[in-house]
Each structure stands twice: as structure tokens, then as C-alpha cells.
Amino acid sequence: MKTLRRRKRRINLTEQRVSYIKKLIASLPGNKQLTWNELVGEIKNQTSYLWSRQALQSHSEIKTAYENKREEYRKFRKTGKPPRELLPEHEILAQKYAGVRAENAELLKTLHAYDVRLITYLQNAIGKGISQEQLERPLVPPNRGQTD
């Protein structure tokens, strides 16, 4: 009698899993060389799921964390000093700083879009024959006390 082996269902790498793997890579010691095979094995030990190197490497966050860890080992190999551990307060501040920088980049994109819109409006107004003096006139305040 044949017994059928059931294959385990593939588990996708969601944003939460990618974030967890990124933190796992960061928590590995920096004084030991890290290879993709070791990383795949460590992830399997921690999560009980087996993803291939290619699947892990296709996510830029995981690949960047891996390369950072490799660079940390290269620095350790050159100097012989273990990397400095960041205090939790410094990690929190670094995260806030990264958030502020991302927000700043978004605001700069929005500002650029407004600049483009203003230039378009001005070009269209001048093309329709509206003079610069007419464009620079102050707005007439609305009469809010009046009803129909």
C-alpha cells in the first residue's frame, strides 16, 4: 500500500515576515562570517519555514540587512574589535530620524508638485492675456454678513 506524502504549502514572505527576518539578521553576531546558506538555516530554525536564498534575496530589505551584516564582519576582521552595540534609546532615535527624513522627502515631492502646478497656471494665465499686475492684485475679501 502506497502512502502519499503531503507537501508542505509554501508560505509567502509578507511584510511582517520580511521585517522579522530583517531584525533577525541584525541580531546575529557581527564577529562571525554570515553566508546565505547559514542565514537560510537560521531562519528555518527560528520560523520553521524554509525559504530559498533567491526568495530571500529578492526582497531588497533582507538583501540590504544581509549586506550590512557582511560589512560589519569585514570591519571586525580588519580591526579585530567587535562592533559597538546601539543603546535602545539610540535605536529609537534612529527610527524617528528615519521617519522624519521619509516625511521630509514626501513633503518635498508635494512642494515640487505645487511648484509645477503654479508654473502651469501662470503660463496659462499669461497665454490668455492676463497681465502680471492683474495676477498680483490682492483678493477681495468675501462679504460674509450678506445673505441672498
Protein backbone atom coordinates (compact mmCIF):
# COMPACT_ATOMS: atom_id res chain seq x y z
CA MET A 1 0.00 0.00 0.00
CA LYS A 2 1.42 3.38 -1.01
CA THR A 3 1.39 6.25 1.38
CA LEU A 4 1.22 9.66 -0.11
CA ARG A 5 3.48 12.32 1.30
CA ARG A 6 1.81 15.64 1.59
CA ARG A 7 3.86 18.58 0.57
CA LYS A 8 4.02 21.50 2.88
CA ARG A 9 2.30 24.52 1.48
CA ARG A 10 4.62 27.36 0.51
CA ILE A 11 4.45 30.32 2.85
CA ASN A 12 4.76 33.74 1.25
CA LEU A 13 7.08 36.37 2.61
CA THR A 14 4.74 39.05 3.90
CA GLU A 15 5.81 42.48 5.13
CA GLN A 16 5.69 41.25 8.73
CA ARG A 17 7.88 38.24 7.94
CA VAL A 18 10.35 40.38 5.99
CA SER A 19 10.54 42.78 8.94
CA TYR A 20 11.09 39.87 11.35
CA ILE A 21 13.85 38.39 9.16
CA LYS A 22 15.49 41.81 8.88
CA LYS A 23 15.54 42.10 12.69
CA LEU A 24 16.82 38.54 12.96
CA ILE A 25 19.74 39.35 10.66
CA ALA A 26 20.54 42.47 12.67
CA SER A 27 20.57 40.43 15.90
CA LEU A 28 23.13 37.92 14.59
CA PRO A 29 26.70 38.38 15.93
CA GLY A 30 28.90 40.64 13.83
CA ASN A 31 32.10 38.77 14.66
CA LYS A 32 31.09 35.66 12.66
CA GLN A 33 31.01 35.47 8.88
CA LEU A 34 27.50 35.12 7.52
CA THR A 35 26.63 33.21 4.35
CA TRP A 36 23.30 32.81 2.63
CA ASN A 37 23.20 29.10 3.50
CA GLU A 38 23.74 29.87 7.19
CA LEU A 39 21.11 32.58 7.02
CA VAL A 40 18.58 30.22 5.39
CA GLY A 41 19.28 27.65 8.12
CA GLU A 42 18.97 30.22 10.91
CA ILE A 43 15.67 31.48 9.52
CA LYS A 44 14.40 27.89 9.30
CA ASN A 45 15.41 27.33 12.95
CA GLN A 46 13.63 30.49 14.08
CA THR A 47 10.49 30.34 11.94
CA SER A 48 10.26 26.64 10.93
CA TYR A 49 9.74 27.76 7.32
CA LEU A 50 12.31 27.17 4.61
CA TRP A 51 12.76 29.88 2.01
CA SER A 52 15.43 29.70 -0.66
CA ARG A 53 18.29 32.15 -0.94
CA GLN A 54 16.71 33.50 -4.10
CA ALA A 55 13.39 34.13 -2.37
CA LEU A 56 15.12 35.95 0.48
CA GLN A 57 17.45 37.88 -1.79
CA SER A 58 14.58 39.11 -3.95
CA HIS A 59 13.42 41.33 -1.06
CA SER A 60 15.57 44.45 -1.01
CA GLU A 61 15.19 44.96 2.76
CA ILE A 62 16.52 41.47 3.52
CA LYS A 63 19.32 41.82 0.99
CA THR A 64 20.35 45.19 2.46
CA ALA A 65 20.31 43.80 6.01
CA TYR A 66 22.44 40.85 4.85
CA GLU A 67 24.94 43.13 3.11
CA ASN A 68 25.12 45.38 6.19
CA LYS A 69 25.88 42.36 8.37
CA ARG A 70 28.59 41.23 5.94
CA GLU A 71 30.11 44.71 6.01
CA GLU A 72 30.02 44.63 9.81
CA TYR A 73 32.01 41.37 9.72
CA ARG A 74 34.55 42.85 7.29
CA LYS A 75 35.13 45.77 9.67
CA PHE A 76 35.52 43.32 12.55
CA ARG A 77 38.01 41.28 10.55
CA LYS A 78 40.11 44.37 9.76
CA THR A 79 40.14 45.90 13.24
CA GLY A 80 39.59 42.88 15.49
CA LYS A 81 37.16 44.94 17.57
CA PRO A 82 33.57 43.81 17.90
CA PRO A 83 31.02 46.34 16.59
CA ARG A 84 29.50 48.73 19.06
CA GLU A 85 26.05 47.85 20.20
CA LEU A 86 23.50 50.62 19.91
CA LEU A 87 21.63 51.51 23.05
CA PRO A 88 17.86 51.06 22.79
CA GLU A 89 17.43 54.83 23.11
CA HIS A 90 19.72 55.35 20.12
CA GLU A 91 17.81 52.82 18.06
CA ILE A 92 14.54 54.60 18.84
CA LEU A 93 16.06 57.94 17.89
CA ALA A 94 17.45 56.46 14.66
CA GLN A 95 14.00 55.14 13.78
CA LYS A 96 12.43 58.53 14.50
CA TYR A 97 15.11 60.22 12.40
CA ALA A 98 14.44 57.86 9.51
CA GLY A 99 10.71 58.59 9.81
CA VAL A 100 11.30 62.33 9.79
CA ARG A 101 13.57 62.04 6.75
CA ALA A 102 10.92 59.99 4.90
CA GLU A 103 8.24 62.54 5.81
CA ASN A 104 10.53 65.35 4.64
CA ALA A 105 11.07 63.60 1.30
CA GLU A 106 7.29 63.25 0.85
CA LEU A 107 6.76 66.92 1.67
CA LEU A 108 9.45 67.94 -0.81
CA LYS A 109 7.68 65.90 -3.52
CA THR A 110 4.39 67.64 -2.67
CA LEU A 111 6.07 71.05 -2.75
CA HIS A 112 7.57 70.27 -6.15
CA ALA A 113 4.13 69.26 -7.44
CA TYR A 114 2.71 72.58 -6.20
CA ASP A 115 5.54 74.46 -7.94
CA VAL A 116 4.78 72.69 -11.21
CA ARG A 117 1.08 73.46 -10.82
CA LEU A 118 1.79 77.17 -10.14
CA ILE A 119 4.04 77.46 -13.18
CA THR A 120 1.34 75.82 -15.31
CA TYR A 121 -1.30 78.25 -14.02
CA LEU A 122 0.94 81.24 -14.62
CA GLN A 123 1.82 80.13 -18.12
CA ASN A 124 -1.84 79.57 -18.97
CA ALA A 125 -2.85 82.94 -17.48
CA ILE A 126 -0.19 84.82 -19.41
CA GLY A 127 -1.16 82.90 -22.56
CA LYS A 128 -4.78 84.08 -22.14
CA GLY A 129 -3.62 87.70 -21.94
CA ILE A 130 -3.88 88.31 -18.21
CA SER A 131 -1.20 90.78 -17.14
CA GLN A 132 1.15 90.38 -14.22
CA GLU A 133 -0.47 93.35 -12.43
CA GLN A 134 -3.87 91.63 -12.66
CA LEU A 135 -2.41 88.42 -11.25
CA GLU A 136 -0.74 90.24 -8.32
CA ARG A 137 -3.85 92.18 -7.24
CA PRO A 138 -5.00 91.25 -3.71
CA LEU A 139 -8.12 89.17 -3.37
CA VAL A 140 -11.34 90.90 -2.47
CA PRO A 141 -12.45 89.69 0.97
CA PRO A 142 -15.83 87.95 0.89
CA ASN A 143 -18.79 89.71 2.45
CA ARG A 144 -19.85 87.10 4.99
CA GLY A 145 -22.61 89.20 6.55
CA GLN A 146 -24.67 89.36 3.39
CA THR A 147 -27.37 86.84 2.52
CA ASP A 148 -29.21 86.14 -0.71
